[in-house]
């Protein structure tokens, strides 16, 4: 790709996976031409909440996701700052809180069961408490949420 050749760009849940989000945005700045519009979307996994009677397991689950599972779990809250540091002009920062009310969908979207197993294996959550917590999620009513940040910026 020729530097300065891109008019529009979007990243959606990409920066949470890269080694260096600031470097990725600097590369995006190089690739865009003056006046280009850029959309950035990233979650902040530290805002993940799962409603369950055992709030201790819910909190331990979120801590495990933040500390051991996602490479850049709080990049969403940093998007505006990182975009400015990369040379973009930020027009808007918008926060959305998706609320998941179906345990099966949340398990697929958030990896509840998969990450809970990993947390147990890592010794972060006691196995029997984890089993009861997960079983209780499908008994309902279920609710989980997290914050998703969207930044619209220009070069």
Protein backbone atom coordinates (compact mmCIF):
# COMPACT_ATOMS: atom_id res chain seq x y z
CA UNK A 1 0.00 0.00 0.00
CA UNK A 2 1.28 3.44 -0.91
CA UNK A 3 1.58 5.83 2.04
CA UNK A 4 -1.11 8.49 2.00
CA UNK A 5 -3.37 6.53 -0.37
CA UNK A 6 -6.29 5.57 1.88
CA UNK A 7 -9.43 7.78 2.11
CA UNK A 8 -11.38 5.73 4.66
CA UNK A 9 -10.38 3.13 7.22
CA UNK A 10 -12.03 1.20 9.99
CA UNK A 11 -10.72 -1.08 12.70
CA UNK A 12 -13.17 -3.06 14.78
CA UNK A 13 -11.85 -5.10 17.71
CA UNK A 14 -8.38 -5.29 16.19
CA UNK A 15 -6.24 -3.20 18.52
CA UNK A 16 -7.02 -5.38 21.54
CA UNK A 17 -5.05 -8.15 19.78
CA UNK A 18 -1.96 -6.37 18.40
CA UNK A 19 1.37 -6.09 20.19
CA UNK A 20 1.47 -2.30 20.04
CA UNK A 21 -1.80 -0.40 19.43
CA UNK A 22 0.02 2.96 19.24
CA UNK A 23 2.32 1.66 16.51
CA UNK A 24 -0.66 0.20 14.61
CA UNK A 25 -2.41 3.58 14.68
CA UNK A 26 0.79 5.34 13.61
CA UNK A 27 0.94 2.99 10.61
CA UNK A 28 -2.73 3.72 9.88
CA UNK A 29 -1.93 7.45 9.97
CA UNK A 30 0.86 6.92 7.45
CA UNK A 31 -1.45 4.95 5.16
CA UNK A 32 -4.19 7.61 5.14
CA UNK A 33 -4.22 10.78 3.12
CA UNK A 34 -5.05 14.22 4.54
CA UNK A 35 -8.78 14.50 5.13
CA UNK A 36 -9.23 10.73 5.45
CA UNK A 37 -11.90 9.53 7.86
CA UNK A 38 -11.04 6.77 10.30
CA UNK A 39 -13.40 4.76 12.53
CA UNK A 40 -12.04 2.83 15.49
CA UNK A 41 -14.07 0.44 17.63
CA UNK A 42 -12.73 -1.38 20.70
CA UNK A 43 -14.15 -2.80 23.92
CA UNK A 44 -12.95 -2.09 27.43
CA UNK A 45 -12.97 -5.51 29.06
CA UNK A 46 -12.45 -4.06 32.52
CA UNK A 47 -16.08 -2.93 32.29
CA UNK A 48 -17.33 -6.50 31.77
CA UNK A 49 -20.02 -7.42 34.28
CA UNK A 50 -21.87 -10.69 34.60
CA UNK A 51 -24.82 -10.66 36.98
CA UNK A 52 -24.83 -13.74 39.19
CA UNK A 53 -25.59 -14.45 42.84
CA UNK A 54 -21.88 -15.18 43.47
CA UNK A 55 -20.50 -11.72 42.67
CA UNK A 56 -17.07 -12.88 43.81
CA UNK A 57 -16.83 -15.34 40.92
CA UNK A 58 -18.14 -12.69 38.51
CA UNK A 59 -15.44 -10.28 39.66
CA UNK A 60 -12.73 -12.96 39.53
CA UNK A 61 -13.87 -13.89 36.02
CA UNK A 62 -13.55 -10.27 34.82
CA UNK A 63 -10.13 -9.92 36.50
CA UNK A 64 -8.97 -13.11 34.77
CA UNK A 65 -10.17 -11.87 31.37
CA UNK A 66 -8.43 -8.52 31.90
CA UNK A 67 -5.20 -9.85 33.39
CA UNK A 68 -4.69 -13.14 31.54
CA UNK A 69 -6.83 -13.44 28.43
CA UNK A 70 -6.92 -10.24 26.35
CA UNK A 71 -3.66 -8.63 25.21
CA UNK A 72 -4.90 -5.01 25.44
CA UNK A 73 -8.08 -5.27 27.52
CA UNK A 74 -8.55 -1.54 28.18
CA UNK A 75 -7.61 -0.19 24.75
CA UNK A 76 -11.19 0.99 24.21
CA UNK A 77 -10.92 3.68 26.85
CA UNK A 78 -7.59 4.78 25.37
CA UNK A 79 -8.74 5.06 21.73
CA UNK A 80 -9.21 8.83 21.69
CA UNK A 81 -5.82 9.49 23.29
CA UNK A 82 -4.04 6.97 21.06
CA UNK A 83 -5.64 8.42 17.92
CA UNK A 84 -4.51 11.95 18.85
CA UNK A 85 -1.00 10.70 19.65
CA UNK A 86 -0.90 9.04 16.21
CA UNK A 87 -1.67 12.40 14.59
CA UNK A 88 -5.42 12.14 13.99
CA UNK A 89 -8.00 14.77 14.91
CA UNK A 90 -10.72 13.12 16.98
CA UNK A 91 -14.21 14.28 16.07
CA UNK A 92 -16.25 12.04 18.37
CA UNK A 93 -15.85 9.44 21.07
CA UNK A 94 -18.94 7.39 21.74
CA UNK A 95 -19.47 4.70 24.37
CA UNK A 96 -22.08 1.99 23.94
CA UNK A 97 -22.99 -0.65 26.48
CA UNK A 98 -24.33 -3.79 24.83
CA UNK A 99 -26.49 -5.73 27.28
CA UNK A 100 -26.65 -9.47 26.69
CA UNK A 101 -29.71 -11.16 28.16
CA UNK A 102 -29.29 -14.66 26.76
CA UNK A 103 -26.70 -16.87 28.49
CA UNK A 104 -26.01 -18.98 25.39
CA UNK A 105 -25.34 -15.93 23.21
CA UNK A 106 -23.17 -14.40 25.95
CA UNK A 107 -21.22 -17.65 26.28
CA UNK A 108 -20.50 -17.55 22.55
CA UNK A 109 -19.73 -13.81 22.44
CA UNK A 110 -17.77 -13.50 25.69
CA UNK A 111 -16.31 -16.99 25.93
CA UNK A 112 -17.78 -17.47 29.39
CA UNK A 113 -17.34 -21.25 29.64
CA UNK A 114 -14.02 -21.38 27.80
CA UNK A 115 -12.47 -18.59 29.86
CA UNK A 116 -13.95 -19.90 33.10
CA UNK A 117 -12.24 -23.25 32.46
CA UNK A 118 -8.97 -21.43 31.87
CA UNK A 119 -9.41 -19.43 35.08
CA UNK A 120 -10.00 -22.63 37.05
CA UNK A 121 -6.96 -24.29 35.46
CA UNK A 122 -4.87 -21.24 36.37
CA UNK A 123 -6.04 -21.46 39.97
CA UNK A 124 -7.85 -18.12 39.80
CA UNK A 125 -11.33 -19.52 40.58
CA UNK A 126 -12.15 -22.57 42.69
CA UNK A 127 -13.61 -25.35 40.52
CA UNK A 128 -16.82 -26.03 42.45
CA UNK A 129 -17.69 -22.33 42.76
CA UNK A 130 -17.02 -21.94 39.02
CA UNK A 131 -19.26 -24.89 38.21
CA UNK A 132 -22.13 -23.50 40.31
CA UNK A 133 -21.64 -19.99 38.87
CA UNK A 134 -21.74 -21.20 35.27
CA UNK A 135 -24.70 -23.51 35.85
CA UNK A 136 -26.61 -20.65 37.48
CA UNK A 137 -26.12 -18.40 34.46
CA UNK A 138 -28.34 -20.55 32.26
CA UNK A 139 -31.04 -20.79 34.92
CA UNK A 140 -31.70 -17.09 34.34
CA UNK A 141 -32.64 -14.45 34.22
CA UNK A 142 -29.28 -13.61 32.67
CA UNK A 143 -27.56 -10.28 32.14
CA UNK A 144 -24.04 -9.28 31.17
CA UNK A 145 -22.60 -6.13 29.64
CA UNK A 146 -19.40 -4.31 28.70
CA UNK A 147 -18.50 -0.94 27.23
CA UNK A 148 -17.64 -0.58 23.55
CA UNK A 149 -15.92 2.64 22.47
CA UNK A 150 -16.19 4.13 18.99
CA UNK A 151 -13.90 6.92 17.82
CA UNK A 152 -14.38 8.86 14.59
CA UNK A 153 -11.30 10.76 13.56
CA UNK A 154 -9.75 12.56 10.59
CA UNK A 155 -6.23 12.83 9.30
